[in-house]
Protein backbone atom coordinates (compact mmCIF):
# COMPACT_ATOMS: atom_id res chain seq x y z
CA MET A 1 0.04 -0.04 0.04
CA PHE A 2 0.95 3.96 -0.84
CA THR A 3 1.64 5.39 2.53
CA ARG A 4 3.74 7.95 2.23
CA PHE A 5 5.79 10.15 0.14
CA VAL A 6 8.17 13.27 0.10
CA ALA A 7 7.00 16.54 -1.47
CA SER A 8 9.58 19.23 -2.32
CA ILE A 9 9.47 22.32 -0.53
CA PRO A 10 10.91 25.35 -2.28
CA PRO A 11 13.09 27.90 -0.72
CA LEU A 12 12.07 31.33 0.45
CA ILE A 13 13.26 33.70 -2.14
CA ALA A 14 12.23 37.00 -1.03
CA ASP A 15 15.82 38.40 -0.15
CA GLU A 16 18.20 36.04 -1.86
CA VAL A 17 21.25 37.20 -3.50
CA TRP A 18 21.43 36.66 -7.19
CA VAL A 19 24.30 37.58 -9.04
CA PRO A 20 25.19 36.31 -12.38
CA ASP A 21 28.60 35.37 -14.08
CA SER A 22 30.21 37.55 -16.67
CA GLU A 23 28.97 35.22 -19.24
CA LEU A 24 25.63 35.26 -18.20
CA SER A 25 25.38 38.81 -17.82
CA THR A 26 26.31 39.69 -21.18
CA LEU A 27 23.86 37.00 -22.63
CA CYS A 28 21.27 38.47 -20.44
CA GLU A 29 22.07 42.09 -21.70
CA ARG A 30 21.75 40.91 -25.63
CA ALA A 31 18.71 39.70 -24.92
CA VAL A 32 17.09 42.84 -23.59
CA VAL A 33 18.19 44.30 -26.88
CA ALA A 34 16.47 42.28 -28.49
CA ILE A 35 13.45 42.17 -26.69
CA THR A 36 13.70 46.30 -26.03
CA ARG A 37 14.39 46.42 -30.25
CA LEU A 38 11.16 44.20 -30.74
CA ASP A 39 9.01 46.29 -28.84
CA ALA A 40 9.67 49.40 -30.22
CA THR A 41 8.89 47.41 -33.58
CA ALA A 42 5.51 46.44 -32.06
CA GLY A 43 4.69 49.97 -30.62
CA MET A 44 5.92 52.22 -33.31
CA LEU A 45 6.26 50.50 -36.63
CA LEU A 46 3.29 47.54 -36.48
CA ALA A 47 0.64 48.08 -33.88
CA PRO A 48 -1.08 45.00 -34.80
CA LEU A 49 2.40 42.72 -33.92
CA THR A 50 0.94 43.29 -30.61
CA GLY A 51 -2.31 40.90 -31.10
CA PHE A 52 -0.28 38.41 -33.15
CA LEU A 53 2.51 37.58 -30.54
CA LEU A 54 -0.22 37.43 -27.75
CA ARG A 55 -1.87 34.70 -30.17
CA ASN A 56 1.37 33.10 -30.76
CA GLU A 57 2.61 32.82 -27.12
CA ALA A 58 -1.27 31.49 -26.48
CA GLN A 59 -1.20 28.63 -28.92
CA SER A 60 2.51 27.49 -28.17
CA SER A 61 2.06 27.86 -24.41
CA SER A 62 -1.22 25.62 -24.63
CA LYS A 63 0.67 23.36 -27.21
CA ILE A 64 3.34 22.82 -24.38
CA GLU A 65 0.31 21.32 -22.30
CA PHE A 66 -1.15 19.27 -25.30
CA VAL A 67 -3.62 21.38 -25.68
CA GLU A 68 -3.25 21.66 -29.68
CA ALA A 69 -6.25 22.90 -31.90
CA PRO A 70 -6.07 23.69 -35.99
CA GLN A 71 -5.41 27.71 -37.02
CA ILE A 72 -9.14 27.23 -38.47
CA ASP A 73 -10.62 26.31 -35.35
CA LEU A 74 -9.13 28.69 -33.21
CA ALA A 75 -10.48 31.40 -35.84
CA ARG A 76 -13.42 29.94 -34.93
CA ALA A 77 -13.21 29.93 -31.27
CA SER A 78 -11.69 33.55 -31.09
CA LEU A 79 -15.08 34.58 -33.31
CA GLY A 80 -17.62 32.74 -30.82
CA ILE A 81 -18.35 30.09 -33.17
CA ARG A 82 -18.77 26.14 -32.10
CA ALA A 83 -15.07 25.20 -32.11
CA SER A 84 -13.37 22.35 -30.45
CA ASP A 85 -12.73 22.65 -26.98
CA ASN A 86 -9.04 22.35 -27.36
CA ALA A 87 -9.66 25.79 -29.67
CA LYS A 88 -11.75 27.33 -26.67
CA SER A 89 -9.10 26.43 -24.37
CA THR A 90 -6.38 28.20 -26.21
CA ILE A 91 -8.37 31.57 -26.48
CA ALA A 92 -8.67 31.56 -23.07
CA ALA A 93 -5.18 31.15 -22.76
CA ALA A 94 -4.11 34.54 -25.04
CA ASP A 95 -7.05 36.11 -22.25
CA ALA A 96 -5.87 35.12 -19.16
CA ILE A 97 -1.99 35.86 -20.73
CA GLU A 98 -3.43 39.97 -21.63
CA ASN A 99 -5.04 39.83 -18.49
CA LEU A 100 -1.95 39.18 -16.55
CA ILE A 101 0.47 41.09 -18.13
CA GLN A 102 -2.17 44.35 -18.20
CA ALA A 103 -2.40 44.18 -14.17
CA ALA A 104 1.43 43.51 -14.36
CA GLU A 105 1.97 47.42 -15.33
CA ASN A 106 0.37 48.81 -12.15
CA GLN A 107 1.32 46.17 -9.56
CA ASN A 108 3.48 43.45 -8.86
CA PRO A 109 3.38 40.83 -11.54
CA ALA A 110 3.15 38.22 -9.13
CA ASP A 111 0.25 39.38 -6.99
CA ILE A 112 -2.49 36.83 -5.54
CA GLY A 113 -5.26 38.45 -6.76
CA ALA A 114 -3.66 38.94 -10.21
CA LEU A 115 -2.46 35.15 -10.58
CA THR A 116 -5.72 34.20 -9.20
CA THR A 117 -7.91 36.08 -11.86
CA ALA A 118 -6.00 34.71 -15.00
CA HIS A 119 -6.16 31.08 -13.48
CA ALA A 120 -10.13 31.98 -12.83
CA ILE A 121 -9.95 33.18 -16.80
CA LEU A 122 -8.03 29.88 -18.08
CA MET A 123 -9.85 27.73 -16.55
CA LYS A 124 -13.30 28.96 -16.54
CA ASP A 125 -15.04 26.61 -18.69
CA ASP A 126 -12.87 23.45 -18.11
CA PRO A 127 -15.29 20.70 -16.96
CA TYR A 128 -13.21 19.39 -14.48
CA GLU A 129 -11.49 22.32 -13.02
CA THR A 130 -14.32 25.08 -12.63
CA ARG A 131 -14.49 24.51 -9.07
CA TYR A 132 -10.83 24.97 -8.39
CA ALA A 133 -10.93 28.11 -11.61
CA GLY A 134 -9.26 31.13 -9.76
CA LYS A 135 -8.38 29.52 -6.45
CA ILE A 136 -5.27 28.49 -4.58
CA ARG A 137 -5.18 24.95 -4.36
CA ASP A 138 -6.11 23.43 -0.87
CA VAL A 139 -5.45 19.79 -1.86
CA GLN A 140 -2.41 18.19 -2.60
CA ASN A 141 -1.23 18.13 -6.08
CA TRP A 142 1.72 16.29 -8.50
CA ILE A 143 3.03 16.08 -11.89
CA ARG A 144 2.85 12.95 -13.72
CA GLY A 145 2.74 9.58 -11.88
CA SER A 146 -0.80 8.37 -11.05
CA ASP A 147 -4.07 9.97 -11.04
CA TYR A 148 -4.17 8.23 -7.89
CA SER A 149 -1.65 8.74 -5.81
CA PRO A 150 2.42 10.82 -6.61
CA ARG A 151 3.92 7.16 -6.95
CA ASN A 152 6.24 7.60 -9.69
CA ALA A 153 5.64 11.61 -9.93
CA VAL A 154 8.57 13.91 -11.20
CA HIS A 155 7.50 16.55 -9.06
CA VAL A 156 5.64 16.97 -5.84
CA PRO A 157 5.33 20.01 -4.85
CA PRO A 158 4.91 21.64 -1.47
CA ALA A 159 1.23 20.52 0.88
CA PRO A 160 -1.35 23.11 0.73
CA GLU A 161 -0.89 24.92 4.31
CA ARG A 162 2.62 26.02 2.76
CA VAL A 163 1.36 27.76 -0.60
CA GLU A 164 -0.25 30.55 0.80
CA ALA A 165 3.05 31.62 2.51
CA LEU A 166 5.66 30.58 -0.51
CA MET A 167 3.72 32.63 -2.75
CA THR A 168 3.67 35.87 -0.88
CA ASP A 169 7.54 35.06 -0.63
CA LEU A 170 7.87 35.01 -4.45
CA GLN A 171 5.33 38.32 -4.93
CA SER A 172 7.73 39.96 -2.50
CA PHE A 173 10.99 38.54 -5.28
CA CYS A 174 8.64 39.89 -7.70
CA GLY A 175 8.72 43.08 -6.24
CA ARG A 176 12.45 43.62 -6.28
CA ARG A 177 14.36 45.97 -8.74
CA ASP A 178 17.71 44.93 -7.76
CA ILE A 179 17.81 42.03 -9.82
CA PRO A 180 18.24 42.04 -13.76
CA ALA A 181 14.86 41.72 -15.24
CA LEU A 182 15.02 38.45 -17.95
CA ALA A 183 17.07 36.74 -14.51
CA GLN A 184 14.10 37.83 -12.01
CA ALA A 185 11.50 36.34 -14.83
CA ALA A 186 13.15 33.04 -15.42
CA LEU A 187 13.53 32.23 -11.58
CA ALA A 188 10.05 33.51 -10.99
CA HIS A 189 8.77 31.21 -13.67
CA ALA A 190 10.64 27.85 -12.21
CA HIS A 191 9.88 28.83 -8.85
CA PHE A 192 6.44 29.11 -9.44
CA GLU A 193 6.34 25.97 -11.53
CA SER A 194 7.76 24.46 -8.23
CA ILE A 195 5.41 25.68 -5.76
CA HIS A 196 2.56 24.68 -8.47
CA PRO A 197 0.00 26.78 -6.41
CA PHE A 198 -3.46 25.83 -8.40
CA THR A 199 -4.82 22.40 -9.21
CA ASP A 200 -4.05 22.88 -13.43
CA GLY A 201 -2.89 25.05 -15.47
CA ASN A 202 0.44 26.01 -13.61
CA GLY A 203 1.90 26.13 -17.07
CA ARG A 204 0.60 27.99 -19.00
CA ILE A 205 -0.03 31.07 -15.70
CA GLY A 206 3.52 30.34 -14.92
CA ARG A 207 5.40 31.21 -18.73
CA ALA A 208 2.42 34.18 -18.52
CA LEU A 209 4.18 35.68 -15.33
CA ILE A 210 7.25 35.80 -17.09
CA ASN A 211 6.05 38.18 -19.89
CA ALA A 212 4.36 39.58 -16.78
CA ILE A 213 7.57 40.83 -15.21
CA LEU A 214 9.28 41.94 -18.27
CA ARG A 215 6.12 44.20 -18.73
CA HIS A 216 6.59 45.23 -14.97
CA ARG A 217 10.43 46.21 -15.25
CA GLY A 218 9.89 48.27 -18.36
CA LEU A 219 11.26 46.06 -20.97
CA THR A 220 8.40 46.10 -22.76
CA GLN A 221 5.08 48.28 -23.48
CA THR A 222 3.36 46.21 -26.29
CA ALA A 223 4.73 43.33 -27.28
CA VAL A 224 4.26 39.79 -25.72
CA ILE A 225 7.69 37.62 -25.96
CA PRO A 226 7.04 34.17 -27.87
CA PHE A 227 9.06 32.18 -25.40
CA ALA A 228 6.87 29.31 -25.35
CA SER A 229 7.38 28.60 -29.31
CA ALA A 230 11.15 28.36 -28.13
CA PHE A 231 9.72 26.10 -25.28
CA ALA A 232 7.47 23.92 -27.30
CA ALA A 233 10.49 23.38 -29.78
CA ARG A 234 11.59 20.91 -27.53
CA ARG A 235 9.42 20.44 -24.31
CA ASP A 236 11.94 17.80 -23.29
CA TRP A 237 14.55 20.29 -22.78
CA TYR A 238 12.25 22.91 -21.54
CA PHE A 239 10.90 20.87 -18.84
CA GLU A 240 14.13 19.48 -17.56
CA LEU A 241 16.04 23.42 -17.69
CA VAL A 242 13.03 24.47 -15.54
CA ASN A 243 13.45 21.31 -13.03
CA THR A 244 17.37 22.30 -12.89
CA TYR A 245 15.76 24.96 -10.94
CA ARG A 246 15.47 22.79 -7.68
CA THR A 247 18.62 21.36 -7.99
CA GLY A 248 20.31 24.53 -6.98
CA ARG A 249 21.43 25.44 -10.82
CA GLY A 250 18.89 28.14 -11.67
CA ALA A 251 21.56 29.79 -13.92
CA LEU A 252 20.90 27.03 -16.54
CA PHE A 253 17.18 27.97 -17.26
CA VAL A 254 18.71 31.65 -16.75
CA GLU A 255 20.90 31.16 -20.20
CA PHE A 256 17.92 29.28 -21.54
CA LEU A 257 15.56 31.73 -21.40
CA ALA A 258 18.02 34.42 -22.30
CA SER A 259 19.37 32.69 -25.33
CA SER A 260 15.44 31.86 -26.47
CA ALA A 261 14.42 35.77 -26.37
CA ILE A 262 17.52 36.49 -29.08
CA ILE A 263 15.96 33.73 -31.22
CA VAL A 264 12.47 34.34 -30.70
CA CYS A 265 12.70 37.86 -30.97
CA GLN A 266 14.84 38.13 -34.17
CA GLU A 267 11.93 35.83 -35.60
CA ALA A 268 8.98 38.03 -34.32
CA GLU A 269 10.98 41.00 -36.38
CA ALA A 270 11.18 38.67 -39.34
CA SER A 271 7.40 37.94 -39.46
CA ALA A 272 6.68 42.34 -38.48
CA ARG A 273 8.72 42.45 -41.81
CA THR A 274 6.64 40.22 -43.69
CA LEU A 275 3.13 41.03 -41.75
CA GLY A 276 3.88 44.69 -42.80
CA GLU A 277 4.54 43.55 -46.48
CA MET A 278 0.90 42.17 -46.66
CA PRO A 279 -1.66 44.90 -47.25
CA SER A 280 0.11 45.87 -50.36
CA LEU A 281 0.49 42.81 -51.72
CA TRP A 282 -3.31 42.36 -50.98
CA ARG A 283 -4.13 45.56 -52.98
CA GLU A 284 -1.82 44.28 -56.16
CA THR A 285 -3.89 41.15 -55.53
CA VAL A 286 -7.25 42.68 -55.44
CA LYS A 287 -7.05 45.69 -57.33
CA PRO A 288 -9.84 47.50 -55.56
CA ARG A 289 -11.78 50.61 -55.93
CA ALA A 290 -9.95 53.50 -53.87
CA GLY A 291 -12.43 54.25 -51.10
CA SER A 292 -14.61 50.64 -51.23
CA ALA A 293 -15.70 48.77 -48.47
CA ALA A 294 -12.78 46.25 -49.99
CA ASP A 295 -10.00 49.00 -49.95
CA SER A 296 -10.80 49.83 -46.51
CA LEU A 297 -11.45 45.92 -45.57
CA ILE A 298 -8.08 45.51 -46.47
CA ASP A 299 -6.53 48.60 -44.15
CA THR A 300 -7.70 47.15 -41.04
CA LEU A 301 -6.79 43.14 -41.65
CA LEU A 302 -3.57 43.24 -39.97
CA ALA A 303 -4.76 44.49 -36.72
CA THR A 304 -8.13 42.43 -36.74
CA PRO A 305 -7.60 39.10 -38.88
CA LEU A 306 -10.90 37.30 -38.04
CA ILE A 307 -14.13 39.43 -39.11
CA THR A 308 -17.57 38.95 -40.07
CA VAL A 309 -20.10 41.18 -41.78
CA GLU A 310 -21.44 42.66 -38.52
CA SER A 311 -17.68 43.32 -37.23
CA VAL A 312 -17.25 44.85 -40.92
CA SER A 313 -19.84 46.98 -40.81
CA GLN A 314 -19.28 48.70 -37.62
CA ARG A 315 -15.63 49.04 -38.21
CA LEU A 316 -16.00 50.57 -41.29
CA GLY A 317 -19.37 52.49 -40.86
CA ILE A 318 -20.76 50.82 -43.43
CA SER A 319 -24.11 48.73 -44.22
CA ASN A 320 -23.83 45.16 -44.07
CA THR A 321 -24.58 44.94 -47.87
CA ALA A 322 -21.34 46.93 -48.47
CA ALA A 323 -19.24 44.99 -45.73
CA ASN A 324 -20.85 41.84 -47.76
CA ALA A 325 -19.57 42.69 -50.92
CA GLY A 326 -16.17 43.94 -49.54
CA ILE A 327 -15.37 40.40 -47.99
CA GLN A 328 -16.65 38.66 -50.52
CA LYS A 329 -14.39 40.64 -53.46
CA LEU A 330 -11.30 39.52 -50.83
CA GLU A 331 -12.55 35.97 -50.47
CA GLU A 332 -12.74 35.56 -55.20
CA ALA A 333 -8.93 36.90 -54.81
CA GLY A 334 -7.48 34.41 -51.66
CA VAL A 335 -7.29 37.66 -49.29
CA LEU A 336 -9.82 35.99 -47.27
CA ARG A 337 -10.89 32.52 -46.20
CA SER A 338 -14.00 31.15 -44.93
CA VAL A 339 -14.16 29.74 -41.49
CA GLY A 340 -17.74 29.31 -40.41
CA ARG A 341 -19.93 26.69 -40.23
CA GLY A 342 -23.07 27.16 -42.39
CA SER A 343 -24.89 30.16 -43.35
CA ARG A 344 -25.96 30.98 -39.78
CA ASP A 345 -22.07 31.41 -38.55
CA ARG A 346 -21.08 33.29 -40.97
CA ALA A 347 -17.04 34.55 -40.46
CA TRP A 348 -13.63 34.76 -42.62
CA SER A 349 -9.99 35.49 -41.92
CA ALA A 350 -6.84 36.45 -43.33
CA GLY A 351 -5.11 33.44 -44.11
CA ASP A 352 -1.66 35.10 -44.86
CA VAL A 353 -2.06 36.75 -41.30
CA LEU A 354 -2.94 33.01 -39.74
CA ASP A 355 -0.10 31.21 -41.88
CA GLU A 356 2.53 33.75 -40.43
CA THR A 357 1.72 32.55 -37.13
CA GLU A 358 2.55 28.94 -38.23
CA SER A 359 5.96 30.29 -39.78
CA LEU A 360 6.75 31.60 -37.17
CA VAL A 361 6.50 29.15 -34.61
CA GLN A 362 8.08 26.31 -37.16
CA ARG A 363 11.33 28.73 -37.96
CA ILE A 364 11.69 29.15 -34.19
CA GLY A 365 11.77 25.49 -34.05
CA GLU A 366 14.44 25.17 -36.76
CA HIS A 367 16.70 27.12 -34.51
CA ARG A 368 16.18 25.23 -31.97
CA GLU A 369 20.19 24.18 -31.55
CA GLN A 370 20.93 27.54 -31.21
CA LEU A 371 18.98 27.92 -28.20
CA LEU A 372 21.81 25.84 -26.37
CA THR A 373 24.71 27.90 -24.59
CA PRO A 374 27.43 25.45 -24.03
CA ASN A 375 26.70 25.14 -20.41
CA VAL A 376 23.21 24.15 -20.90
CA ARG A 377 24.22 22.06 -23.96
CA ALA A 378 26.67 20.17 -21.36
CA HIS A 379 23.50 19.51 -19.06
CA LEU A 380 21.50 18.29 -21.72
CA ALA A 381 24.03 15.73 -22.96
CA ALA A 382 24.60 14.32 -19.76
CA ALA A 383 20.94 13.91 -18.93
CA GLY A 384 20.68 11.86 -22.54
CA LEU A 385 18.66 14.84 -23.87
CA LEU A 386 20.71 15.54 -26.99
CA GLY A 387 20.63 13.40 -30.05
CA THR A 388 16.94 11.94 -29.32
């Protein structure tokens, strides 16, 4: 009979001193430059990039938890059209990420109220977790192992009666300004995952905390950095490096996050350039009459690539008939794709924008070897995770 288990109890870190070595400090500085440059692109040159990156982060973060849905299904869920549970969950993840990041602009990113609000948004429609949505757990949980006991679990978090004090301690750590922001985000994420304060959804909320800290510290003003796309490229690497934090080697995950930032920002800027060229390419294809509904609609598709007749009518201040005519012209030219289900749920997407979301994830995945610093590579090799 299973009668006892050993739980992992994270240390208190509110006053922990953390000083990187010179190599890691330089890597973090390079990552900060990449982040701030991408944020400037999103804020000044291409504002629609913000929504694009948010969708990308939510989709990749959900994918890490094996919650996947095709783009057309995600489009339906975004528009409130009948869609799969996975698609609805991914859209909920985007809303939760956005909520936590916005809250971090004016308060501590690990504020327990902000975290529980984001968790409620994420889990509100989950049939198995609804009663725990937005609540710090009051039961024991564990990662992997059996559904009935923590036998053979890879991580058993602290007992529920310890969680409140540990979360208050994490909040104090996240309020500090004497730690490099990127290192603070990496360590806070790993510490959050060690505490595992919710019954489910910890990974997605914990990854949202990374961007929330960057926003709170002023590294970003508008952009959401798509770290999850790097993590999803090799889940096993990501999980292993997060777990090293509990062995006292948190610097390895800081290195991984910093190198990931450089790659994902580089590729996100490439996506920004591609997105910026789309309206002119669409006009060349459609050749709309100046001032027509189709012409005006093209200017809005980067910011709102998912549309209905009613949303176009309201946005452009035109009749439904005119909106429908503009949509049909763009659909005939291949700029818009139907994502609706029958005549009652008519909706369209700017296919090129959604395709670029997939392209960004793929390109980041192709760079996965570049995510590894020598220290990280040596650790993963020792763990038997390279060459597999």
